[in-house]
């Protein structure tokens, strides 16, 4: 997987007690040394971990959605979701992954928890979401956050144009033929949503994550607009 869309923040999911470590130094080192899910099996493992961790740390999971992606505060929320959820990982699963890769699966967990994907109707009180920046505001963001926000906006374009097909993606198992078919159904819309000079050099795991967060933002915004109108 290529770097570029984000600087990776690595975390060993089975860790020693944080009290014995300098957390800031650990996070900074992980920014440099981070790794990504390398295949479908790794993606399923990380998504399963995210489901367990988000269920265990629901307040922090909700907080992450109101932070801009790849920002320091989002990284911190995701880091602590992982650090405080070691019981979600079996002792033999000595796998290192970037906590930034938890954000998409966490968004998918919240999407399925808070909304009925058949109708997009709310099932509970959704999390707050960050305000999309203006063009000037986008230029002032770090390259990593700007890239992630742009991909979320691309996802928003896809979800708005094809909400049913997007919802169908989240009913599929990662790495399955059904997921492959769901991505294929979204490809024409996705191609039309990409801004000029933006290349989609990300994995399916990342793309599903961006679409999950975009879908969550779409559903929250629709509910907010309905309540206001």
Protein backbone atom coordinates (compact mmCIF):
# COMPACT_ATOMS: atom_id res chain seq x y z
CA UNK A 1 0.00 0.00 0.00
CA UNK A 2 1.31 3.48 -0.86
CA UNK A 3 1.59 6.35 1.56
CA UNK A 4 0.14 9.69 0.54
CA UNK A 5 -3.47 9.88 1.61
CA UNK A 6 -2.33 9.88 5.19
CA UNK A 7 0.67 9.51 7.45
CA UNK A 8 0.23 6.20 9.17
CA UNK A 9 -0.05 5.94 12.93
CA UNK A 10 0.89 2.42 14.05
CA UNK A 11 -0.34 0.67 17.13
CA UNK A 12 0.38 -2.81 18.45
CA UNK A 13 -3.05 -3.96 19.47
CA UNK A 14 -1.64 -6.07 22.29
CA UNK A 15 0.34 -3.61 24.39
CA UNK A 16 1.81 -3.21 27.82
CA UNK A 17 0.08 -0.84 30.28
CA UNK A 18 0.16 2.72 29.03
CA UNK A 19 1.15 4.02 32.47
CA UNK A 20 4.62 2.61 31.87
CA UNK A 21 5.11 4.55 28.64
CA UNK A 22 5.44 8.09 27.44
CA UNK A 23 2.22 8.19 25.41
CA UNK A 24 3.11 11.24 23.33
CA UNK A 25 6.46 9.75 22.36
CA UNK A 26 4.81 6.42 21.57
CA UNK A 27 2.25 8.05 19.29
CA UNK A 28 4.94 10.13 17.55
CA UNK A 29 7.07 7.06 16.92
CA UNK A 30 4.04 5.26 15.58
CA UNK A 31 3.37 8.08 13.11
CA UNK A 32 6.67 7.18 11.51
CA UNK A 33 6.49 3.39 11.83
CA UNK A 34 2.84 2.71 11.07
CA UNK A 35 1.55 -0.13 8.92
CA UNK A 36 -1.63 -0.86 6.98
CA UNK A 37 -3.87 -3.93 6.64
CA UNK A 38 -2.02 -5.92 3.99
CA UNK A 39 -4.80 -8.20 2.72
CA UNK A 40 -8.48 -9.07 3.09
CA UNK A 41 -7.86 -11.26 6.14
CA UNK A 42 -6.04 -8.42 7.88
CA UNK A 43 -8.86 -6.08 6.95
CA UNK A 44 -11.43 -8.43 8.46
CA UNK A 45 -9.37 -8.75 11.62
CA UNK A 46 -9.07 -4.98 12.01
CA UNK A 47 -12.77 -4.44 11.25
CA UNK A 48 -13.74 -7.07 13.83
CA UNK A 49 -11.46 -5.42 16.35
CA UNK A 50 -13.01 -2.02 15.55
CA UNK A 51 -16.53 -3.40 16.09
CA UNK A 52 -15.55 -4.77 19.49
CA UNK A 53 -13.56 -1.69 20.49
CA UNK A 54 -16.21 0.79 19.35
CA UNK A 55 -18.88 -1.13 21.26
CA UNK A 56 -16.64 -1.04 24.32
CA UNK A 57 -15.65 2.62 23.92
CA UNK A 58 -18.81 4.13 22.43
CA UNK A 59 -18.28 7.61 23.84
CA UNK A 60 -14.82 7.86 22.29
CA UNK A 61 -16.11 6.37 19.04
CA UNK A 62 -18.74 9.10 18.87
CA UNK A 63 -16.12 11.73 19.69
CA UNK A 64 -13.97 10.57 16.79
CA UNK A 65 -16.75 11.35 14.30
CA UNK A 66 -16.81 15.01 15.29
CA UNK A 67 -13.07 15.38 14.77
CA UNK A 68 -11.65 15.93 11.33
CA UNK A 69 -10.05 12.73 10.03
CA UNK A 70 -6.28 12.36 10.36
CA UNK A 71 -6.22 15.22 12.85
CA UNK A 72 -4.39 15.06 16.17
CA UNK A 73 -7.64 14.85 18.13
CA UNK A 74 -9.06 12.11 15.93
CA UNK A 75 -5.81 10.19 16.22
CA UNK A 76 -5.94 10.51 20.01
CA UNK A 77 -9.55 9.26 20.16
CA UNK A 78 -8.75 6.26 17.99
CA UNK A 79 -5.54 5.57 19.88
CA UNK A 80 -7.35 5.41 23.20
CA UNK A 81 -10.18 3.33 21.73
CA UNK A 82 -7.53 0.77 20.83
CA UNK A 83 -5.43 1.13 23.98
CA UNK A 84 -8.40 0.66 26.29
CA UNK A 85 -9.86 -2.28 24.33
CA UNK A 86 -7.13 -4.89 24.61
CA UNK A 87 -9.72 -7.47 25.67
CA UNK A 88 -10.99 -7.35 22.07
CA UNK A 89 -7.77 -8.95 20.79
CA UNK A 90 -6.78 -12.57 21.31
CA UNK A 91 -3.29 -13.03 22.69
CA UNK A 92 -2.08 -14.73 19.52
CA UNK A 93 -3.15 -11.81 17.32
CA UNK A 94 0.15 -9.97 17.54
CA UNK A 95 -0.69 -7.62 14.67
CA UNK A 96 0.36 -4.03 14.27
CA UNK A 97 -1.94 -1.59 12.46
CA UNK A 98 -2.37 2.14 12.16
CA UNK A 99 -5.08 3.46 14.44
CA UNK A 100 -6.12 5.75 11.60
CA UNK A 101 -7.39 2.65 9.85
CA UNK A 102 -9.84 2.14 12.70
CA UNK A 103 -11.79 5.27 11.77
CA UNK A 104 -13.62 3.77 8.78
CA UNK A 105 -14.69 0.56 10.55
CA UNK A 106 -15.70 2.59 13.60
CA UNK A 107 -17.86 4.76 11.33
CA UNK A 108 -19.41 1.61 9.83
CA UNK A 109 -20.14 0.28 13.32
CA UNK A 110 -21.90 3.54 14.24
CA UNK A 111 -23.74 3.61 10.91
CA UNK A 112 -25.24 0.17 11.48
CA UNK A 113 -25.97 0.92 15.12
CA UNK A 114 -27.64 4.30 14.59
CA UNK A 115 -29.47 3.89 11.26
CA UNK A 116 -31.61 1.39 9.38
CA UNK A 117 -29.71 0.95 6.13
CA UNK A 118 -32.86 -0.14 4.29
CA UNK A 119 -34.52 3.23 4.90
CA UNK A 120 -31.76 5.42 6.39
CA UNK A 121 -34.15 6.07 9.29
CA UNK A 122 -32.48 6.72 12.66
CA UNK A 123 -32.51 3.97 15.29
CA UNK A 124 -31.02 6.07 18.05
CA UNK A 125 -29.24 9.31 18.80
CA UNK A 126 -26.43 9.69 16.26
CA UNK A 127 -23.03 11.17 16.97
CA UNK A 128 -22.16 14.73 16.09
CA UNK A 129 -20.09 15.15 12.95
CA UNK A 130 -17.42 17.64 12.00
CA UNK A 131 -18.36 20.62 9.84
CA UNK A 132 -17.11 20.31 6.28
CA UNK A 133 -14.53 23.06 5.73
CA UNK A 134 -14.77 25.80 3.12
CA UNK A 135 -12.26 25.82 0.28
CA UNK A 136 -10.14 28.32 2.19
CA UNK A 137 -10.43 26.20 5.31
CA UNK A 138 -9.43 23.12 3.35
CA UNK A 139 -6.24 24.83 2.21
CA UNK A 140 -5.28 25.50 5.83
CA UNK A 141 -5.51 21.86 6.87
CA UNK A 142 -2.53 19.54 7.10
CA UNK A 143 -1.92 17.49 3.93
CA UNK A 144 -3.09 14.32 5.68
CA UNK A 145 -6.31 15.83 7.01
CA UNK A 146 -7.01 17.63 3.73
CA UNK A 147 -6.62 14.38 1.79
CA UNK A 148 -8.92 12.49 4.17
CA UNK A 149 -11.56 15.24 4.08
CA UNK A 150 -11.47 15.26 0.27
CA UNK A 151 -11.99 11.50 0.16
CA UNK A 152 -14.89 11.86 2.59
CA UNK A 153 -16.41 14.45 0.25
CA UNK A 154 -15.94 12.08 -2.69
CA UNK A 155 -17.73 9.47 -0.60
CA UNK A 156 -20.52 11.94 0.13
CA UNK A 157 -21.00 12.45 -3.60
CA UNK A 158 -21.28 8.68 -4.09
CA UNK A 159 -23.71 8.16 -1.22
CA UNK A 160 -25.93 11.04 -2.27
CA UNK A 161 -26.14 9.73 -5.84
CA UNK A 162 -26.53 6.04 -4.96
CA UNK A 163 -27.71 5.60 -1.36
CA UNK A 164 -29.18 2.15 -1.96
CA UNK A 165 -26.08 0.76 -3.66
CA UNK A 166 -23.89 2.26 -0.96
CA UNK A 167 -25.98 0.71 1.80
CA UNK A 168 -25.70 -2.65 0.04
CA UNK A 169 -21.91 -2.49 0.34
CA UNK A 170 -22.12 -2.52 4.12
CA UNK A 171 -24.17 -5.72 4.06
CA UNK A 172 -21.25 -7.62 2.51
CA UNK A 173 -18.35 -9.44 4.13
CA UNK A 174 -14.98 -7.85 3.56
CA UNK A 175 -13.01 -9.55 0.82
CA UNK A 176 -16.02 -11.49 -0.45
CA UNK A 177 -17.38 -11.76 -3.98
CA UNK A 178 -20.44 -9.86 -2.78
CA UNK A 179 -18.24 -6.97 -1.67
CA UNK A 180 -16.44 -7.03 -5.01
CA UNK A 181 -19.79 -6.84 -6.82
CA UNK A 182 -20.95 -4.00 -4.56
CA UNK A 183 -17.81 -2.00 -5.34
CA UNK A 184 -18.31 -2.68 -9.05
CA UNK A 185 -21.85 -1.29 -8.83
CA UNK A 186 -20.47 1.91 -7.30
CA UNK A 187 -17.53 2.34 -9.69
CA UNK A 188 -19.27 4.48 -12.37
CA UNK A 189 -20.61 6.88 -9.76
CA UNK A 190 -17.27 6.96 -7.97
CA UNK A 191 -15.47 7.84 -11.19
CA UNK A 192 -17.83 10.74 -11.76
CA UNK A 193 -17.35 12.00 -8.20
CA UNK A 194 -13.56 12.25 -8.29
CA UNK A 195 -12.29 15.85 -8.56
CA UNK A 196 -9.88 16.70 -11.39
CA UNK A 197 -6.32 15.51 -10.80
CA UNK A 198 -7.37 13.27 -7.89
CA UNK A 199 -6.30 9.65 -8.30
CA UNK A 200 -7.90 6.91 -6.25
CA UNK A 201 -4.76 5.18 -5.03
CA UNK A 202 -6.23 3.59 -1.94
CA UNK A 203 -7.16 0.06 -0.96
CA UNK A 204 -10.68 -1.33 -0.86
CA UNK A 205 -10.36 -1.34 2.92
CA UNK A 206 -9.71 2.40 2.89
CA UNK A 207 -12.40 3.10 0.30
CA UNK A 208 -14.99 1.20 2.32
CA UNK A 209 -13.95 3.25 5.35
CA UNK A 210 -14.36 6.57 3.56
CA UNK A 211 -17.73 5.48 2.18
CA UNK A 212 -18.82 4.37 5.66
CA UNK A 213 -18.00 7.74 7.17
CA UNK A 214 -19.59 9.53 4.22
CA UNK A 215 -22.73 7.40 4.64
CA UNK A 216 -22.86 8.22 8.34
CA UNK A 217 -22.50 11.93 7.62
CA UNK A 218 -25.18 11.66 4.92
CA UNK A 219 -27.60 9.99 7.33
CA UNK A 220 -26.90 12.44 10.17
CA UNK A 221 -27.31 15.44 7.87
CA UNK A 222 -30.58 14.08 6.45
CA UNK A 223 -31.95 13.59 9.96
CA UNK A 224 -30.82 17.07 11.03
CA UNK A 225 -32.40 18.69 7.98
CA UNK A 226 -35.65 16.79 8.54
CA UNK A 227 -35.79 17.88 12.17
CA UNK A 228 -35.12 21.50 11.20
CA UNK A 229 -37.63 21.59 8.37
